[in-house]
Amino acid sequence: MDEARADEAILRAVSWRLAPTARTVLAVGDAKYADTPAQIFGEAELGTSWRRVYTLLMKRLFFYLAYGCGMILAVILVINAGIYFKTRSYIYNSVDDAPEAEAVLIPGAAIFPDGTLSSIFIDRVDMAIRVYEAGKVSKILVSGDNSTVSHNEVNPVRTYLLKKGVPDKDIFLDHAGFDTYSSMYRARDIFGVTSVLVSTQSFHLPRSVFIARTLGINAYGVNADEGHIFFRNYVREVLANEKAMLDLTFHRQPKYLGDKIPIMGDGRNYP
């Protein structure tokens, strides 16, 4: 029999081995073969045939694995490129060029055990202060993780803002901004934000603005890059974009919502 038909016979022999109760007759050319490996190949050839079966199965396995990995990479590429190109016209490197909005939102970032802000966090806060002082916004919304008593990303920022001369009445704290999606969702549903400037780094801006605009907020981004960025930040963002797309697709609701806190009110009433 030719090689292609022999391969088919081998794979059908595997089917026999995996399902011994099935009774089939294999037709190869004009010959008829019974349904056991020994009858197909003969006792002497059976060992060689099973080695060939293994090789064929490994080839097919590697093919499907390569195909699957290629499809996953293609989806990742399309999502990341789509988010970048959809948001780049809404991102500004200069405060002067940024439009006006109700508030500037500061997404949470790492803090040290003593409550000191990380360099990336300080850069976000300093940019937000510049936006506020330029008259682009009248309120500052600090969103971060305060899931435990010992981990509080927002109160240290409030203290920092007060030291920089920002009035307490214009500072609002979102203690349940556990991730970017939750921050934007809560900005809309809890704080009633309809327009916002997001103060964060270039690696984070496309996703932040994309989520906010998809949720219906008129969002823009202001670049807070000051040199405290690592390559791993951009690598992390590649997969974070996929998570954001899943959150938006399935309309995930944040872990906590709660009572309304109008952003145009007095921040002193909502500690």
Protein backbone atom coordinates (compact mmCIF):
# COMPACT_ATOMS: atom_id res chain seq x y z
CA MET A 1 0.00 0.00 0.00
CA ASP A 2 1.25 3.58 -0.58
CA GLU A 3 2.48 5.67 2.37
CA ALA A 4 -0.64 7.87 2.73
CA ARG A 5 -2.96 4.85 2.87
CA ALA A 6 -0.60 3.11 5.24
CA ASP A 7 -0.71 6.09 7.57
CA GLU A 8 -4.48 6.00 7.48
CA ALA A 9 -4.44 2.31 8.30
CA ILE A 10 -2.10 2.95 11.22
CA LEU A 11 -4.32 5.65 12.66
CA ARG A 12 -7.35 3.40 12.32
CA ALA A 13 -5.42 0.77 14.15
CA VAL A 14 -4.96 3.26 16.97
CA SER A 15 -8.72 3.77 16.98
CA TRP A 16 -9.09 0.02 17.43
CA ARG A 17 -6.67 0.10 20.37
CA LEU A 18 -8.56 2.98 22.00
CA ALA A 19 -11.99 1.45 21.35
CA PRO A 20 -11.52 -2.34 21.22
CA THR A 21 -15.24 -3.03 21.15
CA ALA A 22 -15.71 -1.25 17.82
CA ARG A 23 -15.77 -3.63 14.85
CA THR A 24 -14.62 -2.13 11.59
CA VAL A 25 -13.24 -3.38 8.31
CA LEU A 26 -10.49 -1.34 6.71
CA ALA A 27 -10.38 -1.03 2.96
CA VAL A 28 -6.98 -0.23 1.47
CA GLY A 29 -6.88 -0.47 -2.29
CA ASP A 30 -8.63 -3.58 -3.37
CA ALA A 31 -7.66 -5.52 -0.23
CA LYS A 32 -9.79 -6.07 2.88
CA TYR A 33 -8.26 -5.98 6.34
CA ALA A 34 -9.70 -7.09 9.63
CA ASP A 35 -9.84 -4.80 12.59
CA THR A 36 -6.86 -5.76 14.74
CA PRO A 37 -3.33 -4.34 14.44
CA ALA A 38 -1.83 -7.79 14.06
CA GLN A 39 -4.19 -8.65 11.19
CA ILE A 40 -3.47 -5.33 9.49
CA PHE A 41 0.31 -5.42 9.74
CA GLY A 42 1.25 -8.95 10.63
CA GLU A 43 2.85 -9.97 13.89
CA ALA A 44 6.42 -9.22 12.71
CA GLU A 45 5.59 -5.66 11.69
CA LEU A 46 3.47 -4.77 14.71
CA GLY A 47 6.31 -3.23 16.80
CA THR A 48 7.50 -1.03 13.94
CA SER A 49 3.92 0.01 13.22
CA TRP A 50 3.28 1.25 16.74
CA ARG A 51 6.44 3.34 16.62
CA ARG A 52 5.13 4.88 13.45
CA VAL A 53 1.79 5.51 15.15
CA TYR A 54 3.60 7.39 17.92
CA THR A 55 5.49 9.52 15.39
CA LEU A 56 2.31 10.38 13.49
CA LEU A 57 0.44 11.30 16.66
CA MET A 58 3.32 13.52 17.85
CA LYS A 59 3.36 15.31 14.50
CA ARG A 60 -0.34 15.98 14.71
CA LEU A 61 -0.05 17.08 18.33
CA PHE A 62 2.71 19.57 17.56
CA PHE A 63 0.74 20.88 14.60
CA TYR A 64 -2.35 21.59 16.68
CA LEU A 65 -0.29 23.09 19.51
CA ALA A 66 1.50 25.39 17.08
CA TYR A 67 -1.80 26.33 15.46
CA GLY A 68 -3.40 27.05 18.84
CA CYS A 69 -0.46 29.17 20.04
CA GLY A 70 -0.51 31.08 16.77
CA MET A 71 -4.20 31.85 17.15
CA ILE A 72 -3.72 33.02 20.76
CA LEU A 73 -0.85 35.31 19.74
CA ALA A 74 -2.93 36.70 16.89
CA VAL A 75 -5.83 37.51 19.26
CA ILE A 76 -3.45 39.19 21.72
CA LEU A 77 -1.91 41.25 18.93
CA VAL A 78 -5.29 42.35 17.56
CA ILE A 79 -6.65 43.35 20.98
CA ASN A 80 -3.55 45.32 21.98
CA ALA A 81 -3.29 47.06 18.62
CA GLY A 82 -7.01 47.86 18.68
CA ILE A 83 -6.84 49.44 22.15
CA TYR A 84 -3.79 51.49 21.19
CA PHE A 85 -5.18 52.86 17.93
CA LYS A 86 -8.63 53.55 19.38
CA THR A 87 -7.24 55.69 22.21
CA ARG A 88 -4.15 57.43 20.91
CA SER A 89 -6.07 60.53 19.81
CA TYR A 90 -7.41 60.96 23.37
CA ILE A 91 -4.00 60.92 25.07
CA TYR A 92 -1.94 64.06 25.70
CA ASN A 93 1.66 64.62 26.68
CA SER A 94 1.05 68.23 27.67
CA VAL A 95 -1.33 69.59 30.29
CA ASP A 96 -1.90 72.68 28.14
CA ASP A 97 -3.21 70.55 25.25
CA ALA A 98 -5.56 68.47 27.41
CA PRO A 99 -9.28 69.34 27.39
CA GLU A 100 -11.26 70.32 30.45
CA ALA A 101 -13.19 67.73 32.44
CA GLU A 102 -15.07 67.31 35.69
CA ALA A 103 -12.25 65.55 37.49
CA VAL A 104 -8.80 64.08 37.17
CA LEU A 105 -8.60 60.42 38.19
CA ILE A 106 -5.46 59.00 39.79
CA PRO A 107 -5.35 55.18 39.47
CA GLY A 108 -3.82 53.33 42.41
CA ALA A 109 -0.25 52.08 42.43
CA ALA A 110 2.22 50.56 44.85
CA ILE A 111 2.86 52.03 48.28
CA PHE A 112 5.49 51.10 50.87
CA PRO A 113 4.59 49.60 54.27
CA ASP A 114 5.08 52.98 55.96
CA GLY A 115 2.55 54.58 53.59
CA THR A 116 5.12 56.27 51.36
CA LEU A 117 4.07 56.45 47.73
CA SER A 118 6.12 54.61 45.10
CA SER A 119 7.85 56.67 42.40
CA ILE A 120 5.23 55.75 39.81
CA PHE A 121 2.44 56.74 42.19
CA ILE A 122 4.09 60.09 42.98
CA ASP A 123 4.40 60.83 39.26
CA ARG A 124 0.67 60.20 38.80
CA VAL A 125 -0.25 62.41 41.73
CA ASP A 126 2.08 65.24 40.69
CA MET A 127 0.64 65.24 37.19
CA ALA A 128 -2.89 65.33 38.63
CA ILE A 129 -1.90 68.37 40.72
CA ARG A 130 -0.61 70.12 37.59
CA VAL A 131 -3.87 69.36 35.80
CA TYR A 132 -5.86 70.71 38.76
CA GLU A 133 -3.75 73.85 39.13
CA ALA A 134 -4.05 74.52 35.39
CA GLY A 135 -7.82 74.77 35.85
CA LYS A 136 -8.53 71.77 33.62
CA VAL A 137 -10.58 70.11 36.38
CA SER A 138 -12.19 71.14 39.64
CA LYS A 139 -12.00 67.78 41.46
CA ILE A 140 -9.43 65.07 42.07
CA LEU A 141 -10.59 61.46 42.37
CA VAL A 142 -8.07 59.09 43.95
CA SER A 143 -8.89 55.45 43.24
CA GLY A 144 -7.03 52.56 44.82
CA ASP A 145 -7.02 49.39 46.87
CA ASN A 146 -8.08 49.68 50.51
CA SER A 147 -9.16 46.06 50.86
CA THR A 148 -7.56 45.67 54.29
CA VAL A 149 -6.79 47.92 57.24
CA SER A 150 -3.06 47.51 56.62
CA HIS A 151 -3.21 48.21 52.87
CA ASN A 152 -4.56 51.63 51.97
CA GLU A 153 -3.53 53.24 48.67
CA VAL A 154 -5.81 56.28 48.85
CA ASN A 155 -5.39 57.94 52.25
CA PRO A 156 -1.64 58.51 51.77
CA VAL A 157 -2.44 60.27 48.50
CA ARG A 158 -4.96 62.51 50.26
CA THR A 159 -2.28 63.46 52.80
CA TYR A 160 0.17 64.17 49.95
CA LEU A 161 -2.37 66.34 48.12
CA LEU A 162 -3.16 68.35 51.25
CA LYS A 163 0.54 69.02 51.80
CA LYS A 164 0.73 70.29 48.23
CA GLY A 165 -2.05 72.78 48.93
CA VAL A 166 -5.04 71.05 47.28
CA PRO A 167 -8.24 71.95 49.21
CA ASP A 168 -9.79 69.05 51.10
CA LYS A 169 -13.21 69.78 49.58
CA ASP A 170 -11.89 68.95 46.09
CA ILE A 171 -10.38 65.57 47.01
CA PHE A 172 -12.50 62.42 46.63
CA LEU A 173 -11.36 58.93 47.61
CA ASP A 174 -12.44 55.66 46.05
CA HIS A 175 -11.39 52.94 48.48
CA ALA A 176 -12.57 50.07 46.24
CA GLY A 177 -10.64 50.75 43.04
CA PHE A 178 -9.08 47.29 43.10
CA ASP A 179 -8.19 47.40 39.41
CA THR A 180 -8.49 49.81 36.49
CA TYR A 181 -11.83 48.42 35.40
CA SER A 182 -13.31 48.83 38.89
CA SER A 183 -11.92 52.37 39.14
CA MET A 184 -13.59 53.46 35.90
CA TYR A 185 -16.82 51.60 36.61
CA ARG A 186 -17.13 53.15 40.07
CA ALA A 187 -16.16 56.59 38.77
CA ARG A 188 -19.23 56.39 36.55
CA ASP A 189 -21.72 54.62 38.80
CA ILE A 190 -20.72 55.80 42.29
CA PHE A 191 -19.21 59.23 41.71
CA GLY A 192 -21.35 60.16 38.70
CA VAL A 193 -18.33 61.15 36.59
CA THR A 194 -19.23 61.93 32.98
CA SER A 195 -15.90 63.41 31.87
CA VAL A 196 -12.44 62.70 33.24
CA LEU A 197 -8.74 63.17 32.68
CA VAL A 198 -6.76 60.10 33.71
CA SER A 199 -3.31 60.82 35.15
CA THR A 200 -1.07 57.79 34.67
CA GLN A 201 1.92 56.47 32.73
CA SER A 202 2.08 55.84 28.99
CA PHE A 203 1.97 52.04 29.40
CA HIS A 204 -1.29 52.32 31.38
CA LEU A 205 -3.05 55.14 29.53
CA PRO A 206 -4.47 53.25 26.50
CA ARG A 207 -6.20 50.64 28.67
CA SER A 208 -7.46 53.22 31.17
CA VAL A 209 -8.93 55.48 28.51
CA PHE A 210 -10.32 52.54 26.52
CA ILE A 211 -12.17 51.11 29.53
CA ALA A 212 -13.54 54.50 30.56
CA ARG A 213 -14.76 55.43 27.09
CA THR A 214 -16.29 51.99 26.53
CA LEU A 215 -18.19 52.49 29.80
CA GLY A 216 -19.56 55.76 28.48
CA ILE A 217 -17.26 58.27 30.19
CA ASN A 218 -15.84 61.10 28.08
CA ALA A 219 -12.28 60.20 29.04
CA TYR A 220 -8.87 61.55 28.09
CA GLY A 221 -5.41 60.69 29.32
CA VAL A 222 -2.50 62.83 30.49
CA ASN A 223 0.94 61.25 30.32
CA ALA A 224 2.64 61.11 33.73
CA ASP A 225 5.92 59.57 32.52
CA GLU A 226 8.90 60.80 34.53
CA GLY A 227 11.39 58.03 33.87
CA HIS A 228 10.28 55.62 36.62
CA ILE A 229 9.08 52.94 34.21
CA PHE A 230 10.38 49.42 33.64
CA PHE A 231 10.04 47.07 30.68
CA ARG A 232 7.98 44.70 32.84
CA ASN A 233 5.31 47.39 33.11
CA TYR A 234 4.69 47.18 29.37
CA VAL A 235 4.83 43.36 29.37
CA ARG A 236 2.21 43.21 32.12
CA GLU A 237 -0.01 45.56 30.15
CA VAL A 238 -0.13 43.15 27.19
CA LEU A 239 -2.08 40.59 29.22
CA ALA A 240 -3.97 43.21 31.24
CA ASN A 241 -5.52 44.40 27.98
CA GLU A 242 -7.01 40.94 27.42
CA LYS A 243 -8.50 40.97 30.91
CA ALA A 244 -9.99 44.41 30.27
CA MET A 245 -11.61 43.16 27.08
CA LEU A 246 -13.14 40.21 28.93
CA ASP A 247 -14.43 42.49 31.71
CA LEU A 248 -16.08 44.78 29.19
CA THR A 249 -17.46 41.93 27.08
CA PHE A 250 -19.10 40.19 30.02
CA HIS A 251 -20.05 43.43 31.84
CA ARG A 252 -18.30 42.42 35.04
CA GLN A 253 -19.57 44.26 38.08
CA PRO A 254 -16.97 45.45 40.63
CA LYS A 255 -16.78 43.65 43.96
CA TYR A 256 -18.18 46.68 45.79
CA LEU A 257 -20.50 49.44 44.66
CA GLY A 258 -22.41 51.27 47.40
CA ASP A 259 -24.00 54.67 47.95
CA LYS A 260 -23.68 57.52 45.47
CA ILE A 261 -20.95 60.11 46.07
CA PRO A 262 -21.46 63.03 43.67
CA ILE A 263 -18.10 64.17 42.33
CA MET A 264 -19.25 67.80 42.14
CA GLY A 265 -20.06 67.82 45.85
CA ASP A 266 -17.80 68.48 48.86
CA GLY A 267 -15.09 65.88 49.37
CA ARG A 268 -14.97 66.61 53.11
CA ASN A 269 -18.34 64.87 53.45
CA TYR A 270 -16.96 61.59 52.10
CA PRO A 271 -13.72 60.62 53.90
